[in-house]
N, C-alpha and C. Protein backbone atom coordinates (compact mmCIF):
# COMPACT_ATOMS: atom_id res chain seq x y z
N GLN A 1 156.21 151.67 114.05
CA GLN A 1 155.12 152.41 113.36
C GLN A 1 154.94 151.83 112.00
N VAL A 2 153.69 151.55 111.66
CA VAL A 2 153.43 150.95 110.36
C VAL A 2 153.60 151.96 109.24
N GLN A 3 154.28 151.46 108.17
CA GLN A 3 154.42 152.28 107.01
C GLN A 3 153.85 151.57 105.77
N LEU A 4 153.50 152.38 104.75
CA LEU A 4 153.11 151.77 103.47
C LEU A 4 154.28 151.74 102.57
N VAL A 5 154.46 150.58 101.96
CA VAL A 5 155.56 150.30 101.07
C VAL A 5 155.07 150.17 99.65
N GLU A 6 155.58 151.00 98.76
CA GLU A 6 155.17 151.01 97.39
C GLU A 6 156.22 150.34 96.52
N SER A 7 155.77 149.75 95.41
CA SER A 7 156.74 149.22 94.45
C SER A 7 156.12 149.32 93.04
N GLY A 8 156.97 149.13 92.05
CA GLY A 8 156.53 149.03 90.67
C GLY A 8 156.79 150.24 89.79
N GLY A 9 157.35 151.30 90.35
CA GLY A 9 157.63 152.46 89.57
C GLY A 9 158.88 152.25 88.68
N GLY A 10 159.14 153.18 87.79
CA GLY A 10 160.30 153.06 86.92
C GLY A 10 160.19 153.96 85.74
N LEU A 11 161.05 153.63 84.76
CA LEU A 11 161.07 154.36 83.54
C LEU A 11 160.47 153.51 82.44
N VAL A 12 159.53 154.13 81.66
CA VAL A 12 158.81 153.46 80.64
C VAL A 12 158.69 154.40 79.38
N GLN A 13 158.59 153.82 78.24
CA GLN A 13 158.38 154.62 77.04
C GLN A 13 156.89 154.95 76.87
N PRO A 14 156.61 156.07 76.19
CA PRO A 14 155.21 156.42 75.96
C PRO A 14 154.45 155.26 75.30
N GLY A 15 153.22 155.00 75.81
CA GLY A 15 152.43 153.81 75.33
C GLY A 15 152.66 152.61 76.15
N GLY A 16 153.69 152.63 77.03
CA GLY A 16 153.99 151.48 77.84
C GLY A 16 153.04 151.37 79.10
N SER A 17 153.38 150.33 79.92
CA SER A 17 152.55 150.02 81.08
C SER A 17 153.39 149.79 82.28
N LEU A 18 152.87 150.09 83.46
CA LEU A 18 153.45 149.78 84.75
C LEU A 18 152.33 149.38 85.72
N ASN A 19 152.65 148.57 86.71
CA ASN A 19 151.74 148.17 87.74
C ASN A 19 152.32 148.53 89.09
N LEU A 20 151.68 149.42 89.76
CA LEU A 20 152.15 149.82 91.14
C LEU A 20 151.42 148.98 92.18
N SER A 21 152.09 148.69 93.29
CA SER A 21 151.44 148.06 94.35
C SER A 21 151.88 148.74 95.69
N CYS A 22 151.02 148.60 96.65
CA CYS A 22 151.29 149.27 97.97
C CYS A 22 150.71 148.41 99.06
N ALA A 23 151.53 148.06 100.04
CA ALA A 23 151.09 147.20 101.14
C ALA A 23 151.71 147.77 102.40
N PRO A 24 151.04 147.60 103.53
CA PRO A 24 151.62 148.07 104.80
C PRO A 24 152.70 147.18 105.31
N SER A 25 153.64 147.73 106.09
CA SER A 25 154.81 146.95 106.65
C SER A 25 154.31 146.16 107.86
N GLY A 26 153.16 146.48 108.44
CA GLY A 26 152.64 145.77 109.55
C GLY A 26 151.14 145.63 109.46
N SER A 27 150.49 145.43 110.59
CA SER A 27 149.02 145.25 110.59
C SER A 27 148.35 146.60 110.71
N ILE A 28 147.32 146.79 109.88
CA ILE A 28 146.43 147.91 109.94
C ILE A 28 145.02 147.32 109.93
N PHE A 29 144.18 147.69 110.85
CA PHE A 29 142.83 147.15 110.96
C PHE A 29 141.79 148.08 110.42
N ASN A 30 140.82 147.47 109.82
CA ASN A 30 139.69 148.25 109.36
C ASN A 30 140.00 149.37 108.36
N ILE A 31 140.76 148.98 107.32
CA ILE A 31 141.10 149.91 106.25
C ILE A 31 139.83 150.18 105.45
N ASP A 32 139.50 151.40 105.21
CA ASP A 32 138.31 151.81 104.42
C ASP A 32 138.77 152.11 103.00
N THR A 33 139.18 153.32 102.73
CA THR A 33 139.49 153.73 101.41
C THR A 33 140.99 153.64 101.21
N MET A 34 141.31 153.15 100.00
CA MET A 34 142.72 153.12 99.54
C MET A 34 142.76 153.95 98.22
N GLY A 35 143.87 154.64 98.06
CA GLY A 35 144.01 155.41 96.87
C GLY A 35 145.44 155.66 96.41
N TRP A 36 145.52 156.26 95.24
CA TRP A 36 146.80 156.67 94.68
C TRP A 36 146.74 158.16 94.32
N TYR A 37 147.80 158.88 94.66
CA TYR A 37 147.97 160.25 94.34
C TYR A 37 149.26 160.41 93.57
N ARG A 38 149.41 161.56 92.95
CA ARG A 38 150.69 161.77 92.27
C ARG A 38 151.04 163.24 92.32
N GLN A 39 152.32 163.53 92.22
CA GLN A 39 152.80 164.89 92.38
C GLN A 39 153.97 165.12 91.39
N ALA A 40 153.80 165.95 90.46
CA ALA A 40 154.83 166.32 89.51
C ALA A 40 155.64 167.47 90.06
N PRO A 41 156.82 167.74 89.54
CA PRO A 41 157.65 168.84 90.05
C PRO A 41 156.92 170.13 90.00
N ASN A 42 156.96 170.88 91.14
CA ASN A 42 156.36 172.24 91.21
C ASN A 42 154.87 172.21 91.04
N GLU A 43 154.25 171.06 91.30
CA GLU A 43 152.80 170.96 91.27
C GLU A 43 152.25 170.40 92.60
N GLU A 44 150.93 170.49 92.86
CA GLU A 44 150.38 169.95 94.02
C GLU A 44 150.14 168.45 93.87
N ARG A 45 149.99 167.75 95.01
CA ARG A 45 149.68 166.35 94.99
C ARG A 45 148.17 166.17 94.62
N ASP A 46 147.94 165.42 93.57
CA ASP A 46 146.56 165.24 93.16
C ASP A 46 146.07 163.79 93.18
N LEU A 47 144.79 163.62 93.39
CA LEU A 47 144.18 162.30 93.37
C LEU A 47 144.33 161.70 91.97
N VAL A 48 144.66 160.44 91.90
CA VAL A 48 144.70 159.67 90.64
C VAL A 48 143.45 158.80 90.65
N ALA A 49 143.35 158.00 91.73
CA ALA A 49 142.18 157.03 91.82
C ALA A 49 142.05 156.63 93.27
N ASN A 50 140.85 156.21 93.66
CA ASN A 50 140.71 155.59 94.93
C ASN A 50 139.61 154.54 94.83
N ILE A 51 139.61 153.70 95.88
CA ILE A 51 138.68 152.54 95.91
C ILE A 51 138.28 152.25 97.35
N THR A 52 136.97 152.14 97.51
CA THR A 52 136.43 151.89 98.86
C THR A 52 136.51 150.40 99.21
N ARG A 53 136.20 150.06 100.44
CA ARG A 53 136.19 148.61 100.85
C ARG A 53 135.12 147.83 100.05
N ALA A 54 134.10 148.57 99.66
CA ALA A 54 133.04 147.89 98.88
C ALA A 54 133.40 147.91 97.40
N TYR A 55 134.66 148.32 97.05
CA TYR A 55 135.11 148.29 95.65
C TYR A 55 134.57 149.36 94.75
N ARG A 56 134.00 150.43 95.32
CA ARG A 56 133.57 151.53 94.58
C ARG A 56 134.85 152.35 94.12
N THR A 57 134.94 152.70 92.87
CA THR A 57 136.16 153.37 92.37
C THR A 57 135.84 154.78 91.90
N ASN A 58 136.91 155.59 91.96
CA ASN A 58 136.83 156.94 91.46
C ASN A 58 138.10 157.31 90.81
N TYR A 59 138.04 157.95 89.62
CA TYR A 59 139.25 158.25 88.82
C TYR A 59 139.30 159.72 88.46
N ALA A 60 140.55 160.23 88.44
CA ALA A 60 140.76 161.53 87.79
C ALA A 60 140.41 161.46 86.33
N ASP A 61 139.88 162.51 85.73
CA ASP A 61 139.47 162.48 84.34
C ASP A 61 140.62 162.14 83.44
N SER A 62 141.82 162.60 83.80
CA SER A 62 143.00 162.45 82.91
C SER A 62 143.49 161.00 82.77
N VAL A 63 143.01 160.08 83.69
CA VAL A 63 143.47 158.76 83.63
C VAL A 63 142.37 157.71 83.32
N LYS A 64 141.11 158.15 83.23
CA LYS A 64 140.01 157.32 82.95
C LYS A 64 140.19 156.54 81.67
N GLY A 65 139.96 155.27 81.68
CA GLY A 65 140.17 154.43 80.47
C GLY A 65 141.61 153.94 80.32
N ARG A 66 142.54 154.44 81.07
CA ARG A 66 143.93 153.99 81.01
C ARG A 66 144.43 153.33 82.22
N PHE A 67 143.98 153.84 83.39
CA PHE A 67 144.41 153.34 84.68
C PHE A 67 143.30 152.47 85.36
N THR A 68 143.69 151.47 86.10
CA THR A 68 142.72 150.68 86.84
C THR A 68 143.24 150.45 88.26
N ILE A 69 142.37 150.80 89.24
CA ILE A 69 142.79 150.59 90.64
C ILE A 69 142.07 149.36 91.14
N SER A 70 142.72 148.56 91.91
CA SER A 70 142.15 147.40 92.53
C SER A 70 142.79 147.19 93.93
N ARG A 71 142.19 146.28 94.68
CA ARG A 71 142.63 146.03 96.02
C ARG A 71 142.39 144.60 96.45
N ASP A 72 143.21 144.13 97.34
CA ASP A 72 143.11 142.83 97.99
C ASP A 72 142.91 143.10 99.46
N ASN A 73 141.72 142.91 99.94
CA ASN A 73 141.40 143.23 101.33
C ASN A 73 142.17 142.29 102.27
N ALA A 74 142.33 141.05 101.91
CA ALA A 74 143.01 140.05 102.77
C ALA A 74 144.50 140.47 102.99
N LYS A 75 145.09 141.12 102.00
CA LYS A 75 146.50 141.51 102.14
C LYS A 75 146.62 143.04 102.36
N ASN A 76 145.55 143.77 102.52
CA ASN A 76 145.57 145.23 102.66
C ASN A 76 146.44 145.85 101.64
N THR A 77 146.33 145.38 100.43
CA THR A 77 147.20 145.85 99.29
C THR A 77 146.34 146.57 98.23
N VAL A 78 146.85 147.62 97.71
CA VAL A 78 146.17 148.35 96.63
C VAL A 78 147.14 148.36 95.43
N TYR A 79 146.51 148.25 94.25
CA TYR A 79 147.31 148.18 93.02
C TYR A 79 146.77 149.30 92.08
N LEU A 80 147.68 149.68 91.19
CA LEU A 80 147.31 150.63 90.12
C LEU A 80 147.97 150.12 88.83
N GLN A 81 147.12 149.63 87.99
CA GLN A 81 147.58 149.20 86.64
C GLN A 81 147.51 150.41 85.71
N MET A 82 148.57 150.78 85.19
CA MET A 82 148.68 151.99 84.31
C MET A 82 149.04 151.56 82.92
N ASN A 83 148.17 151.83 81.97
CA ASN A 83 148.36 151.48 80.59
C ASN A 83 148.41 152.74 79.70
N ASN A 84 149.02 152.61 78.52
CA ASN A 84 149.13 153.73 77.56
C ASN A 84 149.64 155.00 78.26
N LEU A 85 150.76 154.77 79.05
CA LEU A 85 151.31 155.93 79.76
C LEU A 85 151.88 157.01 78.82
N GLN A 86 151.68 158.22 79.24
CA GLN A 86 152.15 159.39 78.47
C GLN A 86 153.11 160.24 79.28
N PRO A 87 153.91 161.08 78.60
CA PRO A 87 154.86 161.85 79.37
C PRO A 87 154.19 162.75 80.50
N GLN A 88 152.99 163.17 80.31
CA GLN A 88 152.32 163.97 81.33
C GLN A 88 152.00 163.13 82.56
N ASP A 89 152.14 161.77 82.52
CA ASP A 89 151.96 160.96 83.69
C ASP A 89 153.17 160.91 84.57
N THR A 90 154.21 161.46 84.10
CA THR A 90 155.48 161.50 84.91
C THR A 90 155.26 162.24 86.23
N ALA A 91 155.56 161.56 87.31
CA ALA A 91 155.32 162.12 88.64
C ALA A 91 155.77 161.12 89.72
N VAL A 92 155.88 161.58 90.93
CA VAL A 92 155.96 160.69 92.09
C VAL A 92 154.60 160.20 92.48
N TYR A 93 154.42 158.91 92.56
CA TYR A 93 153.12 158.32 92.90
C TYR A 93 153.14 157.91 94.34
N TYR A 94 152.11 158.33 95.12
CA TYR A 94 151.98 158.01 96.50
C TYR A 94 150.68 157.19 96.75
N CYS A 95 150.81 156.18 97.55
CA CYS A 95 149.54 155.51 98.02
C CYS A 95 149.11 156.05 99.35
N LYS A 96 147.81 155.92 99.58
CA LYS A 96 147.26 156.39 100.85
C LYS A 96 146.23 155.31 101.29
N GLN A 97 146.20 155.01 102.58
CA GLN A 97 145.22 154.15 103.11
C GLN A 97 144.61 154.84 104.35
N ARG A 98 143.34 154.76 104.48
CA ARG A 98 142.61 155.39 105.56
C ARG A 98 141.73 154.41 106.28
N THR A 99 141.74 154.35 107.55
CA THR A 99 140.93 153.46 108.25
C THR A 99 139.54 154.14 108.63
N GLY A 100 138.60 153.29 108.93
CA GLY A 100 137.28 153.77 109.24
C GLY A 100 137.09 153.96 110.71
N TRP A 101 135.81 153.98 111.17
CA TRP A 101 135.44 154.14 112.56
C TRP A 101 136.14 153.01 113.41
N PRO A 102 136.66 153.30 114.58
CA PRO A 102 136.65 154.52 115.28
C PRO A 102 137.96 155.37 115.14
N THR A 103 138.96 154.82 114.46
CA THR A 103 140.27 155.45 114.49
C THR A 103 140.46 156.54 113.50
N TYR A 104 139.92 156.38 112.25
CA TYR A 104 140.01 157.28 111.22
C TYR A 104 141.45 157.85 111.03
N SER A 105 142.41 156.87 110.95
CA SER A 105 143.80 157.14 110.70
C SER A 105 144.13 157.16 109.21
N THR A 106 145.15 157.95 108.89
CA THR A 106 145.62 158.01 107.50
C THR A 106 147.08 157.63 107.39
N TYR A 107 147.38 156.80 106.40
CA TYR A 107 148.73 156.36 106.20
C TYR A 107 149.13 156.71 104.79
N TRP A 108 150.37 157.14 104.61
CA TRP A 108 150.88 157.51 103.33
C TRP A 108 152.16 156.65 103.00
N GLY A 109 152.38 156.34 101.79
CA GLY A 109 153.63 155.66 101.35
C GLY A 109 154.68 156.78 101.09
N GLN A 110 155.90 156.28 100.85
CA GLN A 110 157.03 157.17 100.72
C GLN A 110 157.14 157.73 99.27
N GLY A 111 156.40 157.14 98.34
CA GLY A 111 156.41 157.55 96.97
C GLY A 111 157.25 156.69 96.09
N THR A 112 156.80 156.54 94.85
CA THR A 112 157.62 155.83 93.85
C THR A 112 157.61 156.62 92.54
N GLN A 113 158.77 156.76 91.91
CA GLN A 113 158.91 157.60 90.79
C GLN A 113 158.45 156.80 89.48
N VAL A 114 157.56 157.49 88.74
CA VAL A 114 157.18 156.99 87.45
C VAL A 114 157.60 158.04 86.44
N THR A 115 158.43 157.60 85.44
CA THR A 115 158.95 158.49 84.41
C THR A 115 158.59 157.91 83.09
N VAL A 116 157.88 158.75 82.26
CA VAL A 116 157.48 158.30 80.94
C VAL A 116 158.26 159.13 79.92
N SER A 117 159.19 158.47 79.19
CA SER A 117 160.07 159.19 78.30
C SER A 117 160.56 158.31 77.24
N SER A 118 160.80 158.81 76.05
CA SER A 118 161.40 158.01 74.95
C SER A 118 162.90 158.26 74.94
């Protein structure tokens, strides 16, 4: 069974940067939307950003101007460049990939911890 593998999380000081990446462990065909979500303790999992196959992007208001989502369609990989990180960005970050017609399947990563603290 194909899984999404995330990397790039860790501990960073306020104002610092991290770059997350997410790629499938095997082949997934016809990926449409890729995205990043995050979940802080005792909170719901929320959308951070997503990007369509045509490179249209959408961001949560809280990260606009600080985070940038991008993708490499040849590698089925999605990235999240996070700049000017703040303590409120601390969460487990999950990637999600969804295929288009006809399968409409959804894949999730296992999550990577991002901690912003001095």
